[in-house]
C-alpha atoms as a PDB file:
ATOM      1  CA  MET A   1      54.155 -23.986 -33.622  1.00  0.00           C
ATOM      2  CA  ILE A   2      57.409 -23.690 -31.678  1.00  0.00           C
ATOM      3  CA  GLY A   3      57.748 -21.687 -28.470  1.00  0.00           C
ATOM      4  CA  ILE A   4      61.118 -20.613 -27.058  1.00  0.00           C
ATOM      5  CA  ASP A   5      61.712 -19.322 -23.524  1.00  0.00           C
ATOM      6  CA  TRP A   6      65.312 -18.076 -23.778  1.00  0.00           C
ATOM      7  CA  GLY A   7      66.774 -16.588 -20.637  1.00  0.00           C
ATOM      8  CA  THR A   8      70.134 -15.535 -19.267  1.00  0.00           C
ATOM      9  CA  THR A   9      71.328 -19.023 -18.314  1.00  0.00           C
ATOM     10  CA  SER A  10      69.078 -21.477 -20.155  1.00  0.00           C
ATOM     11  CA  LEU A  11      66.939 -22.108 -23.227  1.00  0.00           C
ATOM     12  CA  ARG A  12      63.664 -24.041 -23.185  1.00  0.00           C
ATOM     13  CA  ALA A  13      62.035 -25.048 -26.460  1.00  0.00           C
ATOM     14  CA  TYR A  14      58.523 -26.459 -26.910  1.00  0.00           C
ATOM     15  CA  ARG A  15      56.829 -27.985 -29.929  1.00  0.00           C
ATOM     16  CA  LEU A  16      53.173 -27.197 -29.323  1.00  0.00           C
ATOM     17  CA  ASP A  17      49.949 -28.537 -30.788  1.00  0.00           C
ATOM     18  CA  GLU A  18      46.983 -26.335 -31.708  1.00  0.00           C
ATOM     19  CA  ALA A  19      45.614 -26.534 -28.168  1.00  0.00           C
ATOM     20  CA  GLY A  20      48.932 -25.441 -26.658  1.00  0.00           C
ATOM     21  CA  ALA A  21      49.981 -28.827 -25.265  1.00  0.00           C
ATOM     22  CA  ALA A  22      53.682 -29.667 -25.513  1.00  0.00           C
ATOM     23  CA  LEU A  23      54.269 -32.480 -28.008  1.00  0.00           C
ATOM     24  CA  GLU A  24      58.023 -32.336 -27.406  1.00  0.00           C
ATOM     25  CA  GLN A  25      60.356 -30.151 -25.395  1.00  0.00           C
ATOM     26  CA  ARG A  26      64.056 -29.525 -25.089  1.00  0.00           C
ATOM     27  CA  GLU A  27      66.210 -27.716 -22.552  1.00  0.00           C
ATOM     28  CA  SER A  28      69.714 -26.367 -23.032  1.00  0.00           C
ATOM     29  CA  ALA A  29      72.228 -24.532 -20.841  1.00  0.00           C
ATOM     30  CA  GLN A  30      72.934 -22.143 -23.721  1.00  0.00           C
ATOM     31  CA  GLY A  31      71.459 -19.020 -22.177  1.00  0.00           C
ATOM     32  CA  ILE A  32      72.121 -15.723 -23.889  1.00  0.00           C
ATOM     33  CA  LEU A  33      75.302 -15.051 -21.906  1.00  0.00           C
ATOM     34  CA  SER A  34      76.921 -18.241 -23.206  1.00  0.00           C
ATOM     35  CA  VAL A  35      76.257 -17.529 -26.902  1.00  0.00           C
ATOM     36  CA  PRO A  36      78.970 -15.602 -28.787  1.00  0.00           C
ATOM     37  CA  GLY A  37      77.986 -12.474 -30.682  1.00  0.00           C
ATOM     38  CA  GLY A  38      76.031 -13.226 -33.828  1.00  0.00           C
ATOM     39  CA  GLY A  39      75.520 -16.865 -32.862  1.00  0.00           C
ATOM     40  CA  PHE A  40      71.878 -16.875 -31.789  1.00  0.00           C
ATOM     41  CA  ALA A  41      70.424 -18.053 -35.108  1.00  0.00           C
ATOM     42  CA  ALA A  42      72.853 -20.983 -35.272  1.00  0.00           C
ATOM     43  CA  VAL A  43      72.066 -22.067 -31.709  1.00  0.00           C
ATOM     44  CA  LEU A  44      68.336 -21.859 -32.357  1.00  0.00           C
ATOM     45  CA  GLU A  45      68.548 -23.863 -35.578  1.00  0.00           C
ATOM     46  CA  ALA A  46      70.602 -26.538 -33.831  1.00  0.00           C
ATOM     47  CA  GLU A  47      67.948 -26.865 -31.110  1.00  0.00           C
ATOM     48  CA  ILE A  48      64.798 -26.857 -33.240  1.00  0.00           C
ATOM     49  CA  GLY A  49      66.085 -27.922 -36.688  1.00  0.00           C
ATOM     50  CA  PRO A  50      64.240 -31.290 -36.660  1.00  0.00           C
ATOM     51  CA  TRP A  51      60.955 -29.572 -35.813  1.00  0.00           C
ATOM     52  CA  LEU A  52      61.432 -27.091 -38.646  1.00  0.00           C
ATOM     53  CA  ASP A  53      62.230 -29.956 -40.995  1.00  0.00           C
ATOM     54  CA  ALA A  54      58.979 -31.591 -39.884  1.00  0.00           C
ATOM     55  CA  GLY A  55      57.033 -28.587 -41.140  1.00  0.00           C
ATOM     56  CA  GLU A  56      56.669 -26.140 -38.236  1.00  0.00           C
ATOM     57  CA  ARG A  57      56.232 -22.644 -39.657  1.00  0.00           C
ATOM     58  CA  LEU A  58      55.871 -20.365 -36.633  1.00  0.00           C
ATOM     59  CA  VAL A  59      58.522 -19.718 -33.957  1.00  0.00           C
ATOM     60  CA  LEU A  60      57.870 -17.373 -31.021  1.00  0.00           C
ATOM     61  CA  LEU A  61      60.664 -16.367 -28.640  1.00  0.00           C
ATOM     62  CA  CYS A  62      60.358 -14.676 -25.248  1.00  0.00           C
ATOM     63  CA  GLY A  63      62.714 -13.804 -22.421  1.00  0.00           C
ATOM     64  CA  MET A  64      66.133 -12.166 -22.243  1.00  0.00           C
ATOM     65  CA  ILE A  65      66.783 -13.090 -25.863  1.00  0.00           C
ATOM     66  CA  GLY A  66      64.899  -9.846 -26.541  1.00  0.00           C
ATOM     67  CA  SER A  67      67.084  -7.742 -24.235  1.00  0.00           C
ATOM     68  CA  ARG A  68      69.952  -5.432 -25.129  1.00  0.00           C
ATOM     69  CA  GLN A  69      72.330  -8.364 -24.516  1.00  0.00           C
ATOM     70  CA  GLY A  70      70.262 -10.746 -26.664  1.00  0.00           C
ATOM     71  CA  TRP A  71      69.617 -11.356 -30.339  1.00  0.00           C
ATOM     72  CA  ARG A  72      67.733  -8.105 -30.866  1.00  0.00           C
ATOM     73  CA  GLU A  73      66.319  -5.634 -28.384  1.00  0.00           C
ATOM     74  CA  ALA A  74      62.528  -5.712 -28.430  1.00  0.00           C
ATOM     75  CA  PRO A  75      60.615  -2.649 -27.194  1.00  0.00           C
ATOM     76  CA  TYR A  76      58.821  -2.455 -23.880  1.00  0.00           C
ATOM     77  CA  LEU A  77      55.086  -2.283 -24.455  1.00  0.00           C
ATOM     78  CA  PRO A  78      53.204  -0.088 -21.946  1.00  0.00           C
ATOM     79  CA  CYS A  79      50.561  -1.606 -19.694  1.00  0.00           C
ATOM     80  CA  PRO A  80      47.703  -2.351 -19.775  1.00  0.00           C
ATOM     81  CA  ALA A  81      48.432  -4.975 -22.424  1.00  0.00           C
ATOM     82  CA  GLY A  82      46.791  -8.230 -23.414  1.00  0.00           C
ATOM     83  CA  PRO A  83      47.442 -10.917 -26.017  1.00  0.00           C
ATOM     84  CA  ALA A  84      46.269  -8.725 -28.917  1.00  0.00           C
ATOM     85  CA  GLU A  85      48.540  -5.786 -28.024  1.00  0.00           C
ATOM     86  CA  ILE A  86      51.532  -8.037 -27.344  1.00  0.00           C
ATOM     87  CA  ALA A  87      51.042  -9.986 -30.580  1.00  0.00           C
ATOM     88  CA  ALA A  88      50.814  -6.759 -32.575  1.00  0.00           C
ATOM     89  CA  ALA A  89      54.119  -5.510 -31.111  1.00  0.00           C
ATOM     90  CA  MET A  90      56.175  -8.629 -31.863  1.00  0.00           C
ATOM     91  CA  VAL A  91      59.513  -8.094 -33.607  1.00  0.00           C
ATOM     92  CA  PRO A  92      60.465 -10.237 -36.640  1.00  0.00           C
ATOM     93  CA  LEU A  93      63.790 -12.094 -36.524  1.00  0.00           C
ATOM     94  CA  PRO A  94      65.765 -13.441 -39.493  1.00  0.00           C
ATOM     95  CA  LEU A  95      65.672 -17.239 -39.602  1.00  0.00           C
ATOM     96  CA  PRO A  96      66.681 -19.131 -42.760  1.00  0.00           C
ATOM     97  CA  GLY A  97      63.926 -21.215 -44.325  1.00  0.00           C
ATOM     98  CA  ALA A  98      60.174 -20.879 -44.504  1.00  0.00           C
ATOM     99  CA  ALA A  99      59.391 -20.435 -40.806  1.00  0.00           C
ATOM    100  CA  ARG A 100      58.174 -17.107 -39.454  1.00  0.00           C
ATOM    101  CA  CYS A 101      60.190 -16.102 -36.394  1.00  0.00           C
ATOM    102  CA  LEU A 102      58.907 -13.454 -33.963  1.00  0.00           C
ATOM    103  CA  LEU A 103      60.186 -11.971 -30.694  1.00  0.00           C
ATOM    104  CA  VAL A 104      57.748 -11.206 -27.875  1.00  0.00           C
ATOM    105  CA  PRO A 105      58.149  -7.661 -26.454  1.00  0.00           C
ATOM    106  CA  GLY A 106      58.658  -6.893 -22.780  1.00  0.00           C
ATOM    107  CA  LEU A 107      56.250  -4.809 -20.713  1.00  0.00           C
ATOM    108  CA  LEU A 108      56.555  -1.397 -19.053  1.00  0.00           C
ATOM    109  CA  THR A 109      54.516   0.029 -16.213  1.00  0.00           C
ATOM    110  CA  ARG A 110      54.839   2.945 -13.815  1.00  0.00           C
ATOM    111  CA  GLY A 111      54.083   3.040 -10.120  1.00  0.00           C
ATOM    112  CA  PRO A 112      52.008   5.719  -8.382  1.00  0.00           C
ATOM    113  CA  GLU A 113      55.131   7.908  -8.099  1.00  0.00           C
ATOM    114  CA  GLY A 114      55.838   7.629 -11.835  1.00  0.00           C
ATOM    115  CA  VAL A 115      58.930   5.409 -11.492  1.00  0.00           C
ATOM    116  CA  PRO A 116      59.178   2.899 -14.372  1.00  0.00           C
ATOM    117  CA  ASP A 117      59.185  -0.870 -13.886  1.00  0.00           C
ATOM    118  CA  VAL A 118      59.853  -3.479 -16.577  1.00  0.00           C
ATOM    119  CA  MET A 119      59.599  -7.200 -17.235  1.00  0.00           C
ATOM    120  CA  ARG A 120      60.888  -9.420 -20.025  1.00  0.00           C
ATOM    121  CA  GLY A 121      59.804 -13.045 -20.223  1.00  0.00           C
ATOM    122  CA  GLU A 122      57.354 -12.974 -17.326  1.00  0.00           C
ATOM    123  CA  GLU A 123      54.720 -11.349 -19.554  1.00  0.00           C
ATOM    124  CA  THR A 124      54.399 -14.648 -21.428  1.00  0.00           C
ATOM    125  CA  LYS A 125      53.871 -16.540 -18.170  1.00  0.00           C
ATOM    126  CA  LEU A 126      51.207 -14.027 -17.180  1.00  0.00           C
ATOM    127  CA  ILE A 127      49.469 -14.544 -20.523  1.00  0.00           C
ATOM    128  CA  GLY A 128      49.522 -18.283 -19.797  1.00  0.00           C
ATOM    129  CA  LEU A 129      47.824 -17.655 -16.458  1.00  0.00           C
ATOM    130  CA  LEU A 130      45.420 -15.231 -18.105  1.00  0.00           C
ATOM    131  CA  ALA A 131      44.193 -18.076 -20.284  1.00  0.00           C
ATOM    132  CA  GLU A 132      43.412 -20.053 -17.111  1.00  0.00           C
ATOM    133  CA  LEU A 133      41.985 -17.272 -14.941  1.00  0.00           C
ATOM    134  CA  GLY A 134      39.845 -15.480 -17.533  1.00  0.00           C
ATOM    135  CA  ASP A 135      38.884 -11.802 -17.616  1.00  0.00           C
ATOM    136  CA  GLY A 136      38.314 -11.253 -13.901  1.00  0.00           C
ATOM    137  CA  ALA A 137      40.603  -9.260 -11.633  1.00  0.00           C
ATOM    138  CA  ALA A 138      43.447 -11.302 -10.143  1.00  0.00           C
ATOM    139  CA  THR A 139      46.746 -10.767  -8.328  1.00  0.00           C
ATOM    140  CA  LEU A 140      49.712 -12.928  -9.293  1.00  0.00           C
ATOM    141  CA  CYS A 141      53.105 -13.517  -7.699  1.00  0.00           C
ATOM    142  CA  LEU A 142      55.939 -14.979  -9.775  1.00  0.00           C
ATOM    143  CA  PRO A 143      58.825 -15.493  -7.306  1.00  0.00           C
ATOM    144  CA  GLY A 144      62.391 -15.552  -8.557  1.00  0.00           C
ATOM    145  CA  THR A 145      65.577 -13.539  -8.800  1.00  0.00           C
ATOM    146  CA  HIS A 146      63.344 -10.550  -9.489  1.00  0.00           C
ATOM    147  CA  SER A 147      59.911 -11.388  -8.076  1.00  0.00           C
ATOM    148  CA  LYS A 148      56.960 -10.008 -10.020  1.00  0.00           C
ATOM    149  CA  TRP A 149      53.647  -9.032  -8.462  1.00  0.00           C
ATOM    150  CA  ALA A 150      51.150  -8.431 -11.252  1.00  0.00           C
ATOM    151  CA  ARG A 151      47.517  -7.440 -11.584  1.00  0.00           C
ATOM    152  CA  LEU A 152      45.227  -8.867 -14.263  1.00  0.00           C
ATOM    153  CA  GLU A 153      42.054  -7.015 -15.191  1.00  0.00           C
ATOM    154  CA  GLY A 154      39.693  -7.381 -18.127  1.00  0.00           C
ATOM    155  CA  GLY A 155      41.814 -10.007 -19.857  1.00  0.00           C
ATOM    156  CA  ARG A 156      44.937  -7.822 -19.811  1.00  0.00           C
ATOM    157  CA  ILE A 157      48.023  -7.265 -17.671  1.00  0.00           C
ATOM    158  CA  ALA A 158      47.079  -4.040 -15.898  1.00  0.00           C
ATOM    159  CA  GLY A 159      50.381  -3.415 -14.104  1.00  0.00           C
ATOM    160  CA  PHE A 160      53.041  -4.970 -11.914  1.00  0.00           C
ATOM    161  CA  ALA A 161      55.791  -4.327  -9.370  1.00  0.00           C
ATOM    162  CA  THR A 162      59.214  -5.961  -9.188  1.00  0.00           C
ATOM    163  CA  ARG A 163      61.007  -6.814  -5.954  1.00  0.00           C
ATOM    164  CA  MET A 164      64.691  -7.832  -6.158  1.00  0.00           C
ATOM    165  CA  THR A 165      64.452 -10.365  -3.348  1.00  0.00           C
ATOM    166  CA  GLY A 166      66.403 -13.260  -4.865  1.00  0.00           C
ATOM    167  CA  GLU A 167      69.209 -11.127  -6.241  1.00  0.00           C
ATOM    168  CA  THR A 168      69.536  -9.216  -2.965  1.00  0.00           C
ATOM    169  CA  ARG A 169      69.952 -12.500  -1.100  1.00  0.00           C
ATOM    170  CA  ALA A 170      72.629 -13.648  -3.549  1.00  0.00           C
ATOM    171  CA  VAL A 171      74.531 -10.365  -3.282  1.00  0.00           C
ATOM    172  CA  LEU A 172      74.404 -10.355   0.523  1.00  0.00           C
ATOM    173  CA  LEU A 173      75.631 -13.943   0.795  1.00  0.00           C
ATOM    174  CA  GLY A 174      78.309 -13.520  -1.858  1.00  0.00           C
ATOM    175  CA  HIS A 175      79.607 -10.024  -1.210  1.00  0.00           C
ATOM    176  CA  SER A 176      78.763  -8.927   2.338  1.00  0.00           C
ATOM    177  CA  ILE A 177      79.784  -9.756   5.878  1.00  0.00           C
ATOM    178  CA  LEU A 178      76.661 -11.914   6.202  1.00  0.00           C
ATOM    179  CA  GLY A 179      78.106 -14.455   3.807  1.00  0.00           C
ATOM    180  CA  ARG A 180      81.164 -14.818   6.045  1.00  0.00           C
ATOM    181  CA  LEU A 181      78.887 -15.967   8.858  1.00  0.00           C
ATOM    182  CA  SER A 182      76.987 -18.524   6.776  1.00  0.00           C
ATOM    183  CA  ALA A 183      77.646 -22.248   6.425  1.00  0.00           C
ATOM    184  CA  PRO A 184      75.754 -24.879   4.396  1.00  0.00           C
ATOM    185  CA  ALA A 185      72.726 -26.341   6.153  1.00  0.00           C
ATOM    186  CA  ALA A 186      71.618 -29.954   6.075  1.00  0.00           C
ATOM    187  CA  GLN A 187      68.964 -30.769   3.484  1.00  0.00           C
ATOM    188  CA  GLY A 188      65.503 -29.728   4.744  1.00  0.00           C
ATOM    189  CA  ALA A 189      66.851 -28.488   8.063  1.00  0.00           C
ATOM    190  CA  GLY A 190      66.239 -24.768   7.583  1.00  0.00           C
ATOM    191  CA  ASP A 191      62.475 -24.326   7.948  1.00  0.00           C
ATOM    192  CA  GLU A 192      62.614 -23.161  11.552  1.00  0.00           C
ATOM    193  CA  ALA A 193      65.340 -20.607  10.779  1.00  0.00           C
ATOM    194  CA  PHE A 194      63.302 -19.460   7.764  1.00  0.00           C
ATOM    195  CA  ARG A 195      60.202 -19.041   9.919  1.00  0.00           C
ATOM    196  CA  ARG A 196      62.271 -17.136  12.472  1.00  0.00           C
ATOM    197  CA  GLY A 197      63.275 -14.715   9.728  1.00  0.00           C
ATOM    198  CA  LEU A 198      59.621 -14.374   8.725  1.00  0.00           C
ATOM    199  CA  ARG A 199      58.649 -13.529  12.284  1.00  0.00           C
ATOM    200  CA  ARG A 200      61.419 -10.941  12.510  1.00  0.00           C
ATOM    201  CA  SER A 201      60.191  -9.279   9.297  1.00  0.00           C
ATOM    202  CA  ARG A 202      56.906  -8.488  11.073  1.00  0.00           C
ATOM    203  CA  GLU A 203      58.670  -6.460  13.757  1.00  0.00           C
ATOM    204  CA  GLY A 204      59.671  -2.798  13.687  1.00  0.00           C
ATOM    205  CA  GLY A 205      63.002  -1.304  12.663  1.00  0.00           C
ATOM    206  CA  GLY A 206      62.949  -1.851   8.919  1.00  0.00           C
ATOM    207  CA  LEU A 207      64.828  -4.190   6.597  1.00  0.00           C
ATOM    208  CA  LEU A 208      68.247  -2.516   6.823  1.00  0.00           C
ATOM    209  CA  HIS A 209      68.247  -2.726  10.615  1.00  0.00           C
ATOM    210  CA  HIS A 210      67.043  -6.338  10.461  1.00  0.00           C
ATOM    211  CA  LEU A 211      69.853  -7.258   8.069  1.00  0.00           C
ATOM    212  CA  PHE A 212      72.523  -6.016  10.450  1.00  0.00           C
ATOM    213  CA  GLY A 213      70.737  -7.852  13.230  1.00  0.00           C
ATOM    214  CA  THR A 214      71.446 -11.054  11.321  1.00  0.00           C
ATOM    215  CA  ARG A 215      75.153 -10.434  11.838  1.00  0.00           C
ATOM    216  CA  ALA A 216      74.719  -9.502  15.490  1.00  0.00           C
ATOM    217  CA  LEU A 217      72.718 -12.658  16.191  1.00  0.00           C
ATOM    218  CA  GLY A 218      75.571 -14.692  14.719  1.00  0.00           C
ATOM    219  CA  LEU A 219      78.233 -12.876  16.707  1.00  0.00           C
ATOM    220  CA  MET A 220      76.342 -13.448  19.956  1.00  0.00           C
ATOM    221  CA  GLY A 221      75.929 -17.146  19.217  1.00  0.00           C
ATOM    222  CA  GLU A 222      72.150 -16.766  18.892  1.00  0.00           C
ATOM    223  CA  LEU A 223      72.025 -17.779  15.213  1.00  0.00           C
ATOM    224  CA  ALA A 224      74.079 -20.742  14.013  1.00  0.00           C
ATOM    225  CA  ALA A 225      76.145 -20.425  10.841  1.00  0.00           C
ATOM    226  CA  GLU A 226      74.053 -23.221   9.300  1.00  0.00           C
ATOM    227  CA  GLU A 227      70.890 -21.189   9.964  1.00  0.00           C
ATOM    228  CA  THR A 228      72.063 -17.871   8.519  1.00  0.00           C
ATOM    229  CA  ASP A 229      71.114 -18.488   4.883  1.00  0.00           C
ATOM    230  CA  ASP A 230      67.588 -19.692   5.727  1.00  0.00           C
ATOM    231  CA  TYR A 231      67.042 -16.950   8.299  1.00  0.00           C
ATOM    232  CA  LEU A 232      68.119 -14.351   5.723  1.00  0.00           C
ATOM    233  CA  SER A 233      65.753 -15.836   3.124  1.00  0.00           C
ATOM    234  CA  GLY A 234      62.887 -15.660   5.606  1.00  0.00           C
ATOM    235  CA  LEU A 235      63.762 -12.071   6.433  1.00  0.00           C
ATOM    236  CA  LEU A 236      63.868 -10.952   2.796  1.00  0.00           C
ATOM    237  CA  ILE A 237      60.812 -12.873   1.584  1.00  0.00           C
ATOM    238  CA  GLY A 238      58.984 -11.765   4.715  1.00  0.00           C
ATOM    239  CA  HIS A 239      59.682  -8.113   3.963  1.00  0.00           C
ATOM    240  CA  GLU A 240      58.587  -8.654   0.350  1.00  0.00           C
ATOM    241  CA  VAL A 241      55.254 -10.110   1.451  1.00  0.00           C
ATOM    242  CA  ARG A 242      54.880  -7.511   4.194  1.00  0.00           C
ATOM    243  CA  ALA A 243      55.221  -4.714   1.611  1.00  0.00           C
ATOM    244  CA  ALA A 244      52.607  -6.372  -0.613  1.00  0.00           C
ATOM    245  CA  VAL A 245      50.224  -6.651   2.351  1.00  0.00           C
ATOM    246  CA  GLU A 246      50.774  -3.073   3.498  1.00  0.00           C
ATOM    247  CA  ASP A 247      50.234  -1.519   0.056  1.00  0.00           C
ATOM    248  CA  GLY A 248      47.149  -3.641  -0.617  1.00  0.00           C
ATOM    249  CA  THR A 249      48.692  -5.730  -3.399  1.00  0.00           C
ATOM    250  CA  ALA A 250      48.159  -8.977  -1.504  1.00  0.00           C
ATOM    251  CA  ALA A 251      44.494  -8.371  -0.688  1.00  0.00           C
ATOM    252  CA  GLY A 252      42.347 -11.358  -1.613  1.00  0.00           C
ATOM    253  CA  THR A 253      43.745 -14.551  -3.108  1.00  0.00           C
ATOM    254  CA  VAL A 254      47.247 -14.388  -4.593  1.00  0.00           C
ATOM    255  CA  HIS A 255      47.925 -16.732  -7.534  1.00  0.00           C
ATOM    256  CA  LEU A 256      51.413 -18.183  -7.116  1.00  0.00           C
ATOM    257  CA  ALA A 257      53.484 -19.734  -9.920  1.00  0.00           C
ATOM    258  CA  GLY A 258      57.160 -20.664  -9.883  1.00  0.00           C
ATOM    259  CA  SER A 259      59.570 -23.407  -8.910  1.00  0.00           C
ATOM    260  CA  ASP A 260      58.431 -25.856  -6.238  1.00  0.00           C
ATOM    261  CA  THR A 261      61.272 -24.768  -3.949  1.00  0.00           C
ATOM    262  CA  LEU A 262      60.434 -21.079  -4.067  1.00  0.00           C
ATOM    263  CA  CYS A 263      56.668 -21.542  -3.991  1.00  0.00           C
ATOM    264  CA  ARG A 264      56.951 -23.639  -0.831  1.00  0.00           C
ATOM    265  CA  LEU A 265      58.844 -20.806   0.879  1.00  0.00           C
ATOM    266  CA  TYR A 266      56.396 -18.182  -0.330  1.00  0.00           C
ATOM    267  CA  ALA A 267      53.518 -20.340   0.907  1.00  0.00           C
ATOM    268  CA  LEU A 268      55.113 -20.283   4.380  1.00  0.00           C
ATOM    269  CA  ALA A 269      55.423 -16.501   4.162  1.00  0.00           C
ATOM    270  CA  PHE A 270      51.813 -16.144   3.041  1.00  0.00           C
ATOM    271  CA  ALA A 271      50.702 -18.267   5.996  1.00  0.00           C
ATOM    272  CA  GLU A 272      52.708 -16.058   8.373  1.00  0.00           C
ATOM    273  CA  TYR A 273      51.001 -12.936   7.025  1.00  0.00           C
ATOM    274  CA  GLY A 274      47.541 -14.467   6.605  1.00  0.00           C
ATOM    275  CA  VAL A 275      47.536 -14.208   2.792  1.00  0.00           C
ATOM    276  CA  ALA A 276      45.316 -16.654   0.907  1.00  0.00           C
ATOM    277  CA  HIS A 277      46.967 -18.169  -2.152  1.00  0.00           C
ATOM    278  CA  ARG A 278      46.498 -20.670  -4.962  1.00  0.00           C
ATOM    279  CA  ARG A 279      49.326 -22.604  -6.610  1.00  0.00           C
ATOM    280  CA  HIS A 280      49.620 -22.984 -10.388  1.00  0.00           C
ATOM    281  CA  ASP A 281      51.694 -25.116 -12.754  1.00  0.00           C
ATOM    282  CA  PRO A 282      55.180 -23.548 -12.922  1.00  0.00           C
ATOM    283  CA  ASP A 283      55.606 -24.416 -16.625  1.00  0.00           C
ATOM    284  CA  ILE A 284      53.239 -21.744 -17.924  1.00  0.00           C
ATOM    285  CA  ALA A 285      55.435 -19.969 -20.472  1.00  0.00           C
ATOM    286  CA  ALA A 286      54.578 -22.577 -23.117  1.00  0.00           C
ATOM    287  CA  ARG A 287      50.868 -22.005 -22.537  1.00  0.00           C
ATOM    288  CA  GLY A 288      51.338 -18.247 -22.948  1.00  0.00           C
ATOM    289  CA  LEU A 289      53.354 -18.664 -26.127  1.00  0.00           C
ATOM    290  CA  ALA A 290      50.667 -20.940 -27.539  1.00  0.00           C
ATOM    291  CA  LEU A 291      47.955 -18.359 -26.804  1.00  0.00           C
ATOM    292  CA  LEU A 292      50.032 -15.621 -28.466  1.00  0.00           C
ATOM    293  CA  GLY A 293      50.581 -17.915 -31.450  1.00  0.00           C
ATOM    294  CA  ARG A 294      46.842 -18.411 -31.836  1.00  0.00           C
ATOM    295  CA  THR A 295      46.343 -14.656 -31.564  1.00  0.00           C
ATOM    296  CA  ILE A 296      48.563 -13.893 -34.566  1.00  0.00           C
ATOM    297  CA  ALA A 297      47.600 -16.940 -36.649  1.00  0.00           C
END
């Protein structure tokens, strides 16, 4: 089968064997925002045409390709949801030839106050981890632009919470006074500033007060311009982890999966807050797509 993880800025394609191992893989910068209207089928065929010619007959797509800005908007499936429910809610897509093409739905949950939360793409990564962790209860953290904290129970995704940590950092550095105070740091030189931000996140006053304190530290010469970005990252990730600790989400071992860069920073934050964690292979979307493919086969 063929698995496609198609996001906003990139496309990853995997040709998978029956066990879910990647026989071949391709990566393209043609995320959904770079594809003109009506052009998704052509882009997909250009990427995976040789695999289709070789006889692959099942194509599963996940990610922002199923959003309102993508090929077709797939519904949000309410939690709890496992492989069977997700497979049953897949949306067919038109693809010339004999291959069956299906779009993985996103997931919807609601917090204790009834406010909705959604994910699209991460559900496939969680299914990949589900295959590894089994039916027991587990807490997972997928750091990123929109970090996801999810709970697995009974072989299903029971619920999750999103924290806009990465996007908030980007907005603050690009569109606020804090970005005016920042300067590029030398490679690998920011760990102490990051840890300083973590330590500050443990103190009183709240995130909004701490953010303005970042500016004041710079104005008083107590935070160098080259330290501002890393300090801010520590502050934001620290507050994210602090919230997860305070609401009980981070009780027990947290399973962490994401890029090496982000996971290293989150590991530092977990150490600061005394959270036990276990790292996992970041390339888990393919494993999840393979499991979903076996579910519908």
